[in-house]
């Protein structure tokens, strides 16, 4: 009898928590998971967490909400997941270096519910760009080695190394990466590095583009956007139908991109 009473008490507490999207754990402690082979340095990327809200159709009870929450928390890089069964919502805090919104949505649908992304609070974020002079490069193999090393650093969004000018232009998240760490990365590849400039504020936004295909239409779309003043870089993901645009917000903005 006492055991049955305790079980009913736990169910009542869970139902209240889901109703107000409580951030506390509803299940036994489930630490953040990382993919196998992830280094300690990469785990420091926890400072760049995103928060996304999903609509979930088909939940009828706290057991349904529990299934959704457990499915999401099994993914690597999940910081927290809270499910509101009454309003059909799931709020997920995660680290984008390890998991994305589409993987989370698929995990929810795998347990039998329809899911759609409502909003992502970090779809637009601030980054910085720095320019570094690199001495000692003699061929394209040298520049490729430095570029690959920079791109593998957590917090680096984009890195381009020009052999002709002996310069590297790096777009990075200042909350995760410092310029002295970038200099150390270059020096570890065997070249001398000197910081030339930094602090250019950049904004980044992700746009959903229906009909995006892996053909010349991507090139046409990228060239059209790059022709706008203030657009610095574009990354396309045809599989997720997304565009990521880096730009100077004082010169252009999302309205121009959409048009």
Foldseek 3Di string as FASTA:
>chain_A
DVVVVVVVVLQVVLLVCLQVQNFDDSDPDQDAAADPPDDPLQVLLVVPKKKWKKAKPDQDGSVLVVQLQVLLSVFHFWPTWGHNRVRRMIMTIGRVVRDDPVVSQVSSVVVPIHMDTDDIPVQKDKKKKWKKAKPDDDDPVLQVVLQVLLVPRPFWPHWHADPVRRMIITIGHVSRDDVVVSQVSSVVSPIHMDTDDMDQMKMKHKDAAPPDDPDCVVVVLQVVVVPFPFWDDWDDDSVRRMIMTIGRVVRDDDVVSVD
